[in-house]
Amino acid sequence: MRTLAVVALTLVLAGCGLTASSENPGYVQFETPEHTGLKHGTSISLGASVLRFAAKHTDNDPQARALMESLDGIQISVHKMSEEVDYEALDMDIGVATANAFDKDWSPIVRVVEDGSRVHVFVKEHSGILQGLAIVAVDQEELVFINMMGEIAPDNLRSWSSVVPHSESFALITDSID
């Protein structure tokens, strides 16, 4: 019995920080619309321990290292569109899910709608500190949700924007955070 208790405690402690914590102030619970045209693709949830480990092994990119060190967690969810998608219904469902996910503490800072795609970017700030960033993107192929949690310095995001396509749009995000 004692061995079982030690093993259980070890497993619990080893799991701490491995996945993004729902207790983090920058965490968002985004409910993917129950839509018949969505197929679950990929889900990733990384906590502070995994991100710090990855940062220690990122010797050739100081900006990526600084960003990973500042994060407490990141969650990514990708859903593929099937051939039966009703895009109008899905668009409405995503609007409802987005409205339900982000409370008054989250600020929408970017909204782009063009050519059958839509991107929303939200930030959560408290006392001048960015606690979370969330991106909801949907197009004809997939629905993507990204949530970054932690004390995120705008400079870290600015340096990251050099690897993001359409960095002019991303500059809007980092400039509005300052």
Protein backbone atom coordinates (compact mmCIF):
# COMPACT_ATOMS: atom_id res chain seq x y z
CA MET A 1 0.00 0.00 0.00
CA ARG A 2 2.81 2.40 0.88
CA THR A 3 4.54 1.68 -2.45
CA LEU A 4 1.32 2.36 -4.32
CA ALA A 5 0.91 5.70 -2.50
CA VAL A 6 4.50 6.71 -3.33
CA VAL A 7 4.02 5.77 -6.99
CA ALA A 8 0.73 7.69 -7.17
CA LEU A 9 2.29 10.78 -5.54
CA THR A 10 5.26 10.58 -7.90
CA LEU A 11 2.96 10.41 -10.93
CA VAL A 12 0.91 13.38 -9.72
CA LEU A 13 4.00 15.49 -9.04
CA ALA A 14 5.61 14.49 -12.32
CA GLY A 15 2.49 15.61 -14.19
CA CYS A 16 2.52 19.12 -12.73
CA GLY A 17 3.31 21.66 -15.39
CA LEU A 18 3.27 19.20 -18.25
CA THR A 19 0.00 20.50 -19.69
CA ALA A 20 -1.52 23.98 -19.78
CA SER A 21 -3.33 24.71 -16.53
CA SER A 22 -6.96 25.78 -16.56
CA GLU A 23 -6.17 27.66 -13.33
CA ASN A 24 -3.91 30.12 -15.17
CA PRO A 25 -5.48 33.60 -15.54
CA GLY A 26 -4.61 33.58 -19.25
CA TYR A 27 -6.39 30.28 -19.90
CA VAL A 28 -9.44 30.21 -22.17
CA GLN A 29 -11.92 27.35 -22.38
CA PHE A 30 -12.89 27.46 -26.04
CA GLU A 31 -15.78 25.09 -26.72
CA THR A 32 -15.47 23.81 -30.24
CA PRO A 33 -18.87 23.98 -31.89
CA GLU A 34 -20.64 20.63 -32.05
CA HIS A 35 -20.85 20.75 -35.77
CA THR A 36 -21.15 17.72 -38.02
CA GLY A 37 -18.77 19.26 -40.54
CA LEU A 38 -15.79 19.39 -38.17
CA LYS A 39 -13.33 16.55 -37.74
CA HIS A 40 -11.02 16.70 -34.75
CA GLY A 41 -7.46 16.97 -35.96
CA THR A 42 -4.74 17.86 -33.48
CA SER A 43 -4.72 19.03 -29.88
CA ILE A 44 -1.58 20.14 -28.05
CA SER A 45 -1.39 21.32 -24.46
CA LEU A 46 2.02 22.24 -23.06
CA GLY A 47 2.63 23.50 -19.55
CA ALA A 48 5.42 25.53 -18.03
CA SER A 49 7.71 22.55 -17.36
CA VAL A 50 7.70 21.43 -20.97
CA LEU A 51 8.10 24.99 -22.28
CA ARG A 52 11.05 25.69 -19.94
CA PHE A 53 12.66 22.42 -21.03
CA ALA A 54 12.22 23.38 -24.69
CA ALA A 55 13.59 26.87 -24.01
CA LYS A 56 16.76 25.40 -22.51
CA HIS A 57 17.33 23.53 -25.76
CA THR A 58 16.75 26.51 -28.04
CA ASP A 59 20.28 27.84 -28.32
CA ASN A 60 20.14 29.30 -31.82
CA ASP A 61 17.06 31.53 -31.40
CA PRO A 62 17.17 33.86 -28.38
CA GLN A 63 13.77 35.42 -29.20
CA ALA A 64 12.01 32.05 -29.30
CA ARG A 65 13.78 31.11 -26.09
CA ALA A 66 12.62 34.31 -24.34
CA LEU A 67 9.03 33.75 -25.49
CA MET A 68 9.00 30.12 -24.29
CA GLU A 69 10.49 31.14 -20.94
CA SER A 70 7.74 33.75 -20.47
CA LEU A 71 4.89 31.32 -21.13
CA ASP A 72 3.13 29.27 -18.45
CA GLY A 73 1.24 27.25 -21.02
CA ILE A 74 0.04 26.98 -24.56
CA GLN A 75 -2.88 25.06 -26.00
CA ILE A 76 -3.53 24.49 -29.67
CA SER A 77 -6.54 22.80 -31.21
CA VAL A 78 -7.01 22.16 -34.92
CA HIS A 79 -10.20 20.85 -36.50
CA LYS A 80 -10.42 19.93 -40.17
CA MET A 81 -13.47 20.70 -42.29
CA SER A 82 -15.26 17.78 -43.85
CA GLU A 83 -17.05 17.92 -47.18
CA GLU A 84 -20.47 18.26 -45.47
CA VAL A 85 -19.70 21.59 -43.79
CA ASP A 86 -22.47 24.17 -43.70
CA TYR A 87 -20.23 27.24 -43.57
CA GLU A 88 -23.00 29.66 -42.65
CA ALA A 89 -24.08 27.55 -39.66
CA LEU A 90 -20.46 26.98 -38.66
CA ASP A 91 -19.76 30.71 -38.85
CA MET A 92 -22.66 31.40 -36.49
CA ASP A 93 -21.58 28.58 -34.13
CA ILE A 94 -18.03 29.94 -33.97
CA GLY A 95 -19.38 33.40 -33.23
CA VAL A 96 -21.38 32.01 -30.29
CA ALA A 97 -18.42 29.91 -29.04
CA THR A 98 -16.13 32.94 -29.23
CA ALA A 99 -18.62 35.14 -27.37
CA ASN A 100 -18.97 32.50 -24.65
CA ALA A 101 -15.21 31.90 -24.29
CA PHE A 102 -14.04 35.46 -23.71
CA ASP A 103 -15.34 37.33 -20.67
CA LYS A 104 -15.09 41.05 -19.97
CA ASP A 105 -11.42 40.73 -18.99
CA TRP A 106 -10.46 39.77 -22.55
CA SER A 107 -10.12 42.47 -25.20
CA PRO A 108 -10.55 41.85 -28.90
CA ILE A 109 -7.62 43.57 -30.61
CA VAL A 110 -7.74 42.20 -34.16
CA ARG A 111 -10.57 40.98 -36.36
CA VAL A 112 -9.89 40.09 -39.97
CA VAL A 113 -12.56 38.75 -42.32
CA GLU A 114 -11.63 38.16 -45.95
CA ASP A 115 -11.96 35.63 -48.74
CA GLY A 116 -13.81 33.01 -46.69
CA SER A 117 -11.52 33.24 -43.68
CA ARG A 118 -11.86 34.88 -40.31
CA VAL A 119 -9.29 35.60 -37.60
CA HIS A 120 -9.96 36.97 -34.11
CA VAL A 121 -7.19 37.88 -31.67
CA PHE A 122 -7.90 38.56 -27.99
CA VAL A 123 -5.63 39.59 -25.13
CA LYS A 124 -6.06 39.53 -21.40
CA GLU A 125 -4.20 42.23 -19.55
CA HIS A 126 -4.07 42.99 -15.84
CA SER A 127 -2.17 45.93 -14.32
CA GLY A 128 -0.16 46.44 -17.49
CA ILE A 129 0.86 42.79 -17.74
CA LEU A 130 -0.28 40.65 -20.64
CA GLN A 131 -1.56 37.41 -19.08
CA GLY A 132 -2.91 35.70 -22.15
CA LEU A 133 -3.28 35.83 -25.89
CA ALA A 134 -5.82 33.83 -27.88
CA ILE A 135 -6.30 33.40 -31.61
CA VAL A 136 -9.37 31.90 -33.28
CA ALA A 137 -8.94 31.34 -37.01
CA VAL A 138 -11.26 29.62 -39.46
CA ASP A 139 -11.14 29.15 -43.20
CA GLN A 140 -12.45 26.67 -45.77
CA GLU A 141 -10.05 23.96 -44.55
CA GLU A 142 -9.79 24.20 -40.76
CA LEU A 143 -10.68 25.82 -37.46
CA VAL A 144 -7.66 26.67 -35.30
CA PHE A 145 -7.65 27.82 -31.69
CA ILE A 146 -4.40 28.96 -29.99
CA ASN A 147 -4.14 30.13 -26.38
CA MET A 148 -0.85 31.37 -24.92
CA MET A 149 -0.71 31.91 -21.14
CA GLY A 150 1.82 33.67 -18.95
CA GLU A 151 3.40 37.09 -18.49
CA ILE A 152 3.99 37.73 -22.16
CA ALA A 153 6.22 40.70 -22.98
CA PRO A 154 5.13 42.57 -26.13
CA ASP A 155 8.79 42.62 -27.24
CA ASN A 156 8.78 38.81 -27.26
CA LEU A 157 5.75 38.83 -29.56
CA ARG A 158 7.31 41.48 -31.79
CA SER A 159 10.43 39.39 -32.30
CA TRP A 160 8.25 36.35 -33.00
CA SER A 161 6.36 38.24 -35.70
CA SER A 162 9.32 37.90 -38.06
CA VAL A 163 8.41 34.23 -38.54
CA VAL A 164 4.68 34.81 -38.91
CA PRO A 165 3.26 35.34 -42.41
CA HIS A 166 1.58 38.72 -42.86
CA SER A 167 3.74 40.29 -40.18
CA GLU A 168 2.09 43.66 -40.89
CA SER A 169 -1.13 42.27 -39.40
CA PHE A 170 0.82 40.81 -36.53
CA ALA A 171 2.40 44.22 -35.92
CA LEU A 172 -1.12 45.50 -35.21
CA ILE A 173 -1.36 42.97 -32.40
CA THR A 174 1.94 43.85 -30.73
CA ASP A 175 1.48 47.59 -31.17
CA SER A 176 -1.97 47.50 -29.56
CA ILE A 177 -0.61 45.62 -26.54
CA ASP A 178 1.82 48.38 -25.50
